[in-house]
């Protein structure tokens, strides 16, 4: 079973993104295109995290705008 945390770092820099953190990995995924741009997510975890961003894109962008302008 894959386990990871999706988090916003409020007051963060552009591009709008989320942090994906697990026991032995960390990465950043852009909200606009669900692409990993920092760190590395392998296999199932990467697919699940990117799919989460695609599915929740509008909500994630709204949260980003609320906290980062």
PDB file of N, CA and C in Angstrom:
ATOM      1  N   UNK A   1       0.843  -1.174   0.000  1.00  0.00           N
ATOM      2  CA  UNK A   1       0.000   0.000   0.000  1.00  0.00           C
ATOM      3  C   UNK A   1       0.887   1.235   0.000  1.00  0.00           C
ATOM      4  N   UNK A   2       0.640   2.147  -0.945  1.00  0.00           N
ATOM      5  CA  UNK A   2       1.394   3.393  -1.028  1.00  0.00           C
ATOM      6  C   UNK A   2       0.836   4.386  -0.019  1.00  0.00           C
ATOM      7  N   UNK A   3       1.741   5.076   0.660  1.00  0.00           N
ATOM      8  CA  UNK A   3       1.313   6.045   1.654  1.00  0.00           C
ATOM      9  C   UNK A   3       2.131   7.314   1.480  1.00  0.00           C
ATOM     10  N   UNK A   4       1.442   8.445   1.323  1.00  0.00           N
ATOM     11  CA  UNK A   4       2.128   9.710   1.198  1.00  0.00           C
ATOM     12  C   UNK A   4       1.215  10.829   1.679  1.00  0.00           C
ATOM     13  N   UNK A   5       1.820  11.983   1.936  1.00  0.00           N
ATOM     14  CA  UNK A   5       1.099  13.170   2.386  1.00  0.00           C
ATOM     15  C   UNK A   5       1.181  14.210   1.286  1.00  0.00           C
ATOM     16  N   UNK A   6       0.064  14.850   1.003  1.00  0.00           N
ATOM     17  CA  UNK A   6       0.024  15.963   0.064  1.00  0.00           C
ATOM     18  C   UNK A   6      -0.123  17.219   0.892  1.00  0.00           C
ATOM     19  N   UNK A   7       0.765  18.196   0.668  1.00  0.00           N
ATOM     20  CA  UNK A   7       0.751  19.398   1.494  1.00  0.00           C
ATOM     21  C   UNK A   7       1.023  20.644   0.671  1.00  0.00           C
ATOM     22  N   UNK A   8       0.466  21.750   1.132  1.00  0.00           N
ATOM     23  CA  UNK A   8       0.802  23.079   0.627  1.00  0.00           C
ATOM     24  C   UNK A   8       1.777  23.680   1.619  1.00  0.00           C
ATOM     25  N   UNK A   9       2.730  24.440   1.120  1.00  0.00           N
ATOM     26  CA  UNK A   9       3.632  25.197   1.978  1.00  0.00           C
ATOM     27  C   UNK A   9       3.234  26.657   1.797  1.00  0.00           C
ATOM     28  N   UNK A  10       2.392  27.161   2.687  1.00  0.00           N
ATOM     29  CA  UNK A  10       1.823  28.487   2.520  1.00  0.00           C
ATOM     30  C   UNK A  10       2.900  29.556   2.537  1.00  0.00           C
ATOM     31  N   UNK A  11       2.740  30.532   1.661  1.00  0.00           N
ATOM     32  CA  UNK A  11       3.745  31.560   1.490  1.00  0.00           C
ATOM     33  C   UNK A  11       4.869  31.087   0.587  1.00  0.00           C
ATOM     34  N   UNK A  12       4.615  30.024  -0.168  1.00  0.00           N
ATOM     35  CA  UNK A  12       5.617  29.392  -1.014  1.00  0.00           C
ATOM     36  C   UNK A  12       5.799  30.172  -2.316  1.00  0.00           C
ATOM     37  N   UNK A  13       6.730  29.758  -3.117  1.00  0.00           N
ATOM     38  CA  UNK A  13       7.096  30.384  -4.380  1.00  0.00           C
ATOM     39  C   UNK A  13       6.308  29.782  -5.534  1.00  0.00           C
ATOM     40  N   UNK A  14       6.337  30.472  -6.673  1.00  0.00           N
ATOM     41  CA  UNK A  14       5.744  29.950  -7.899  1.00  0.00           C
ATOM     42  C   UNK A  14       6.679  28.922  -8.516  1.00  0.00           C
ATOM     43  N   UNK A  15       6.208  28.036  -9.357  1.00  0.00           N
ATOM     44  CA  UNK A  15       4.848  27.883  -9.839  1.00  0.00           C
ATOM     45  C   UNK A  15       3.958  27.258  -8.763  1.00  0.00           C
ATOM     46  N   UNK A  16       2.639  27.460  -8.885  1.00  0.00           N
ATOM     47  CA  UNK A  16       1.729  26.816  -7.932  1.00  0.00           C
ATOM     48  C   UNK A  16       1.973  25.307  -7.916  1.00  0.00           C
ATOM     49  N   UNK A  17       2.157  24.757  -6.727  1.00  0.00           N
ATOM     50  CA  UNK A  17       2.501  23.344  -6.624  1.00  0.00           C
ATOM     51  C   UNK A  17       2.095  22.784  -5.262  1.00  0.00           C
ATOM     52  N   UNK A  18       2.175  21.473  -5.164  1.00  0.00           N
ATOM     53  CA  UNK A  18       1.993  20.794  -3.887  1.00  0.00           C
ATOM     54  C   UNK A  18       3.265  20.024  -3.576  1.00  0.00           C
ATOM     55  N   UNK A  19       3.436  19.718  -2.316  1.00  0.00           N
ATOM     56  CA  UNK A  19       4.538  18.881  -1.865  1.00  0.00           C
ATOM     57  C   UNK A  19       3.976  17.488  -1.595  1.00  0.00           C
ATOM     58  N   UNK A  20       4.669  16.480  -2.057  1.00  0.00           N
ATOM     59  CA  UNK A  20       4.297  15.093  -1.802  1.00  0.00           C
ATOM     60  C   UNK A  20       5.441  14.493  -0.982  1.00  0.00           C
ATOM     61  N   UNK A  21       5.107  14.021   0.213  1.00  0.00           N
ATOM     62  CA  UNK A  21       6.128  13.587   1.162  1.00  0.00           C
ATOM     63  C   UNK A  21       5.811  12.187   1.664  1.00  0.00           C
ATOM     64  N   UNK A  22       6.809  11.343   1.672  1.00  0.00           N
ATOM     65  CA  UNK A  22       6.668   9.993   2.202  1.00  0.00           C
ATOM     66  C   UNK A  22       7.867   9.642   3.062  1.00  0.00           C
ATOM     67  N   UNK A  23       7.910   8.427   3.516  1.00  0.00           N
ATOM     68  CA  UNK A  23       8.973   7.983   4.418  1.00  0.00           C
ATOM     69  C   UNK A  23      10.361   8.113   3.792  1.00  0.00           C
ATOM     70  N   UNK A  24      10.478   7.832   2.509  1.00  0.00           N
ATOM     71  CA  UNK A  24      11.791   7.862   1.871  1.00  0.00           C
ATOM     72  C   UNK A  24      11.793   8.625   0.546  1.00  0.00           C
ATOM     73  N   UNK A  25      10.898   9.594   0.405  1.00  0.00           N
ATOM     74  CA  UNK A  25      10.855  10.395  -0.813  1.00  0.00           C
ATOM     75  C   UNK A  25      10.184  11.737  -0.528  1.00  0.00           C
ATOM     76  N   UNK A  26      10.443  12.679  -1.405  1.00  0.00           N
ATOM     77  CA  UNK A  26       9.778  13.983  -1.371  1.00  0.00           C
ATOM     78  C   UNK A  26       9.860  14.561  -2.773  1.00  0.00           C
ATOM     79  N   UNK A  27       8.785  15.218  -3.191  1.00  0.00           N
ATOM     80  CA  UNK A  27       8.755  15.818  -4.513  1.00  0.00           C
ATOM     81  C   UNK A  27       7.760  16.970  -4.527  1.00  0.00           C
ATOM     82  N   UNK A  28       7.850  17.759  -5.589  1.00  0.00           N
ATOM     83  CA  UNK A  28       6.894  18.838  -5.822  1.00  0.00           C
ATOM     84  C   UNK A  28       6.225  18.582  -7.162  1.00  0.00           C
ATOM     85  N   UNK A  29       4.892  18.787  -7.192  1.00  0.00           N
ATOM     86  CA  UNK A  29       4.120  18.602  -8.412  1.00  0.00           C
ATOM     87  C   UNK A  29       3.407  19.906  -8.729  1.00  0.00           C
ATOM     88  N   UNK A  30       3.592  20.404  -9.955  1.00  0.00           N
ATOM     89  CA  UNK A  30       2.879  21.609 -10.401  1.00  0.00           C
ATOM     90  C   UNK A  30       1.390  21.315 -10.468  1.00  0.00           C
ATOM     91  N   UNK A  31       0.597  22.254  -9.999  1.00  0.00           N
ATOM     92  CA  UNK A  31      -0.849  22.077 -10.010  1.00  0.00           C
ATOM     93  C   UNK A  31      -1.407  22.201 -11.425  1.00  0.00           C
ATOM     94  N   UNK A  32      -0.897  23.117 -12.219  1.00  0.00           N
ATOM     95  CA  UNK A  32      -1.480  23.382 -13.532  1.00  0.00           C
ATOM     96  C   UNK A  32      -1.404  22.205 -14.499  1.00  0.00           C
ATOM     97  N   UNK A  33      -0.302  21.444 -14.464  1.00  0.00           N
ATOM     98  CA  UNK A  33      -0.156  20.341 -15.421  1.00  0.00           C
ATOM     99  C   UNK A  33       0.157  18.988 -14.773  1.00  0.00           C
ATOM    100  N   UNK A  34       0.145  18.945 -13.448  1.00  0.00           N
ATOM    101  CA  UNK A  34       0.376  17.703 -12.690  1.00  0.00           C
ATOM    102  C   UNK A  34       1.706  17.041 -13.030  1.00  0.00           C
ATOM    103  N   UNK A  35       2.721  17.847 -13.327  1.00  0.00           N
ATOM    104  CA  UNK A  35       4.051  17.326 -13.630  1.00  0.00           C
ATOM    105  C   UNK A  35       4.965  17.468 -12.417  1.00  0.00           C
ATOM    106  N   UNK A  36       5.773  16.457 -12.164  1.00  0.00           N
ATOM    107  CA  UNK A  36       6.773  16.510 -11.102  1.00  0.00           C
ATOM    108  C   UNK A  36       7.902  17.405 -11.592  1.00  0.00           C
ATOM    109  N   UNK A  37       8.249  18.450 -10.804  1.00  0.00           N
ATOM    110  CA  UNK A  37       9.318  19.338 -11.230  1.00  0.00           C
ATOM    111  C   UNK A  37      10.474  19.403 -10.232  1.00  0.00           C
ATOM    112  N   UNK A  38      10.352  18.759  -9.113  1.00  0.00           N
ATOM    113  CA  UNK A  38      11.453  18.684  -8.146  1.00  0.00           C
ATOM    114  C   UNK A  38      11.311  17.383  -7.373  1.00  0.00           C
ATOM    115  N   UNK A  39      12.426  16.739  -7.115  1.00  0.00           N
ATOM    116  CA  UNK A  39      12.387  15.461  -6.416  1.00  0.00           C
ATOM    117  C   UNK A  39      12.003  14.345  -7.365  1.00  0.00           C
ATOM    118  N   UNK A  40      11.639  13.218  -6.777  1.00  0.00           N
ATOM    119  CA  UNK A  40      11.320  12.045  -7.591  1.00  0.00           C
ATOM    120  C   UNK A  40      10.263  11.197  -6.896  1.00  0.00           C
ATOM    121  N   UNK A  41       9.294  10.759  -7.667  1.00  0.00           N
ATOM    122  CA  UNK A  41       8.267   9.828  -7.200  1.00  0.00           C
ATOM    123  C   UNK A  41       8.253   8.662  -8.178  1.00  0.00           C
ATOM    124  N   UNK A  42       8.472   7.482  -7.690  1.00  0.00           N
ATOM    125  CA  UNK A  42       8.557   6.328  -8.567  1.00  0.00           C
ATOM    126  C   UNK A  42       7.270   5.519  -8.594  1.00  0.00           C
ATOM    127  N   UNK A  43       7.014   4.929  -9.736  1.00  0.00           N
ATOM    128  CA  UNK A  43       5.945   3.951  -9.884  1.00  0.00           C
ATOM    129  C   UNK A  43       4.578   4.399  -9.427  1.00  0.00           C
ATOM    130  N   UNK A  44       3.968   3.554  -8.625  1.00  0.00           N
ATOM    131  CA  UNK A  44       2.585   3.726  -8.185  1.00  0.00           C
ATOM    132  C   UNK A  44       2.377   5.042  -7.428  1.00  0.00           C
ATOM    133  N   UNK A  45       3.331   5.415  -6.612  1.00  0.00           N
ATOM    134  CA  UNK A  45       3.187   6.647  -5.830  1.00  0.00           C
ATOM    135  C   UNK A  45       3.133   7.857  -6.752  1.00  0.00           C
ATOM    136  N   UNK A  46       4.003   7.911  -7.726  1.00  0.00           N
ATOM    137  CA  UNK A  46       4.001   9.018  -8.677  1.00  0.00           C
ATOM    138  C   UNK A  46       2.696   9.096  -9.446  1.00  0.00           C
ATOM    139  N   UNK A  47       2.217   7.954  -9.900  1.00  0.00           N
ATOM    140  CA  UNK A  47       0.954   7.922 -10.648  1.00  0.00           C
ATOM    141  C   UNK A  47      -0.214   8.361  -9.776  1.00  0.00           C
ATOM    142  N   UNK A  48      -0.266   7.876  -8.539  1.00  0.00           N
ATOM    143  CA  UNK A  48      -1.359   8.242  -7.632  1.00  0.00           C
ATOM    144  C   UNK A  48      -1.323   9.730  -7.296  1.00  0.00           C
ATOM    145  N   UNK A  49      -0.138  10.251  -7.008  1.00  0.00           N
ATOM    146  CA  UNK A  49      -0.020  11.657  -6.632  1.00  0.00           C
ATOM    147  C   UNK A  49      -0.390  12.565  -7.801  1.00  0.00           C
ATOM    148  N   UNK A  50       0.077  12.264  -8.995  1.00  0.00           N
ATOM    149  CA  UNK A  50      -0.264  13.077 -10.167  1.00  0.00           C
ATOM    150  C   UNK A  50      -1.756  12.980 -10.483  1.00  0.00           C
ATOM    151  N   UNK A  51      -2.331  11.806 -10.343  1.00  0.00           N
ATOM    152  CA  UNK A  51      -3.768  11.638 -10.567  1.00  0.00           C
ATOM    153  C   UNK A  51      -4.570  12.455  -9.553  1.00  0.00           C
ATOM    154  N   UNK A  52      -4.099  12.514  -8.316  1.00  0.00           N
ATOM    155  CA  UNK A  52      -4.756  13.322  -7.289  1.00  0.00           C
ATOM    156  C   UNK A  52      -4.771  14.790  -7.713  1.00  0.00           C
ATOM    157  N   UNK A  53      -3.648  15.283  -8.216  1.00  0.00           N
ATOM    158  CA  UNK A  53      -3.574  16.685  -8.647  1.00  0.00           C
ATOM    159  C   UNK A  53      -4.541  16.940  -9.795  1.00  0.00           C
ATOM    160  N   UNK A  54      -4.589  16.048 -10.762  1.00  0.00           N
ATOM    161  CA  UNK A  54      -5.512  16.210 -11.890  1.00  0.00           C
ATOM    162  C   UNK A  54      -6.953  16.260 -11.396  1.00  0.00           C
ATOM    163  N   UNK A  55      -7.313  15.341 -10.536  1.00  0.00           N
ATOM    164  CA  UNK A  55      -8.685  15.243 -10.033  1.00  0.00           C
ATOM    165  C   UNK A  55      -9.089  16.455  -9.194  1.00  0.00           C
ATOM    166  N   UNK A  56      -8.143  17.000  -8.436  1.00  0.00           N
ATOM    167  CA  UNK A  56      -8.446  18.081  -7.492  1.00  0.00           C
ATOM    168  C   UNK A  56      -7.834  19.425  -7.902  1.00  0.00           C
ATOM    169  N   UNK A  57      -7.512  19.568  -9.171  1.00  0.00           N
ATOM    170  CA  UNK A  57      -6.812  20.755  -9.671  1.00  0.00           C
ATOM    171  C   UNK A  57      -7.492  22.058  -9.270  1.00  0.00           C
ATOM    172  N   UNK A  58      -8.783  22.169  -9.491  1.00  0.00           N
ATOM    173  CA  UNK A  58      -9.478  23.428  -9.197  1.00  0.00           C
ATOM    174  C   UNK A  58      -9.418  23.776  -7.719  1.00  0.00           C
ATOM    175  N   UNK A  59      -9.628  22.816  -6.863  1.00  0.00           N
ATOM    176  CA  UNK A  59      -9.572  23.050  -5.419  1.00  0.00           C
ATOM    177  C   UNK A  59      -8.150  23.394  -4.972  1.00  0.00           C
ATOM    178  N   UNK A  60      -7.169  22.687  -5.499  1.00  0.00           N
ATOM    179  CA  UNK A  60      -5.781  22.963  -5.145  1.00  0.00           C
ATOM    180  C   UNK A  60      -5.374  24.368  -5.575  1.00  0.00           C
ATOM    181  N   UNK A  61      -5.805  24.796  -6.772  1.00  0.00           N
ATOM    182  CA  UNK A  61      -5.490  26.157  -7.233  1.00  0.00           C
ATOM    183  C   UNK A  61      -6.191  27.201  -6.365  1.00  0.00           C
ATOM    184  N   UNK A  62      -7.419  26.932  -5.962  1.00  0.00           N
ATOM    185  CA  UNK A  62      -8.134  27.869  -5.091  1.00  0.00           C
ATOM    186  C   UNK A  62      -7.410  28.031  -3.757  1.00  0.00           C
ATOM    187  N   UNK A  63      -6.939  26.935  -3.203  1.00  0.00           N
ATOM    188  CA  UNK A  63      -6.187  26.999  -1.949  1.00  0.00           C
ATOM    189  C   UNK A  63      -4.901  27.782  -2.165  1.00  0.00           C
ATOM    190  N   UNK A  64      -4.195  27.502  -3.256  1.00  0.00           N
ATOM    191  CA  UNK A  64      -2.954  28.223  -3.550  1.00  0.00           C
ATOM    192  C   UNK A  64      -3.220  29.733  -3.624  1.00  0.00           C
ATOM    193  N   UNK A  65      -4.266  30.112  -4.372  1.00  0.00           N
ATOM    194  CA  UNK A  65      -4.589  31.533  -4.520  1.00  0.00           C
ATOM    195  C   UNK A  65      -4.953  32.182  -3.186  1.00  0.00           C
ATOM    196  N   UNK A  66      -5.695  31.463  -2.362  1.00  0.00           N
ATOM    197  CA  UNK A  66      -6.079  32.008  -1.046  1.00  0.00           C
ATOM    198  C   UNK A  66      -4.863  32.326  -0.190  1.00  0.00           C
ATOM    199  N   UNK A  67      -3.842  31.511  -0.250  1.00  0.00           N
ATOM    200  CA  UNK A  67      -2.702  31.667   0.651  1.00  0.00           C
ATOM    201  C   UNK A  67      -1.476  32.305   0.029  1.00  0.00           C
ATOM    202  N   UNK A  68      -1.378  32.281  -1.303  1.00  0.00           N
ATOM    203  CA  UNK A  68      -0.180  32.800  -1.951  1.00  0.00           C
ATOM    204  C   UNK A  68      -0.450  33.937  -2.930  1.00  0.00           C
ATOM    205  N   UNK A  69      -1.715  34.230  -3.159  1.00  0.00           N
ATOM    206  CA  UNK A  69      -2.068  35.360  -4.025  1.00  0.00           C
ATOM    207  C   UNK A  69      -1.860  35.183  -5.454  1.00  0.00           C
TER     208      UNK A  69
END
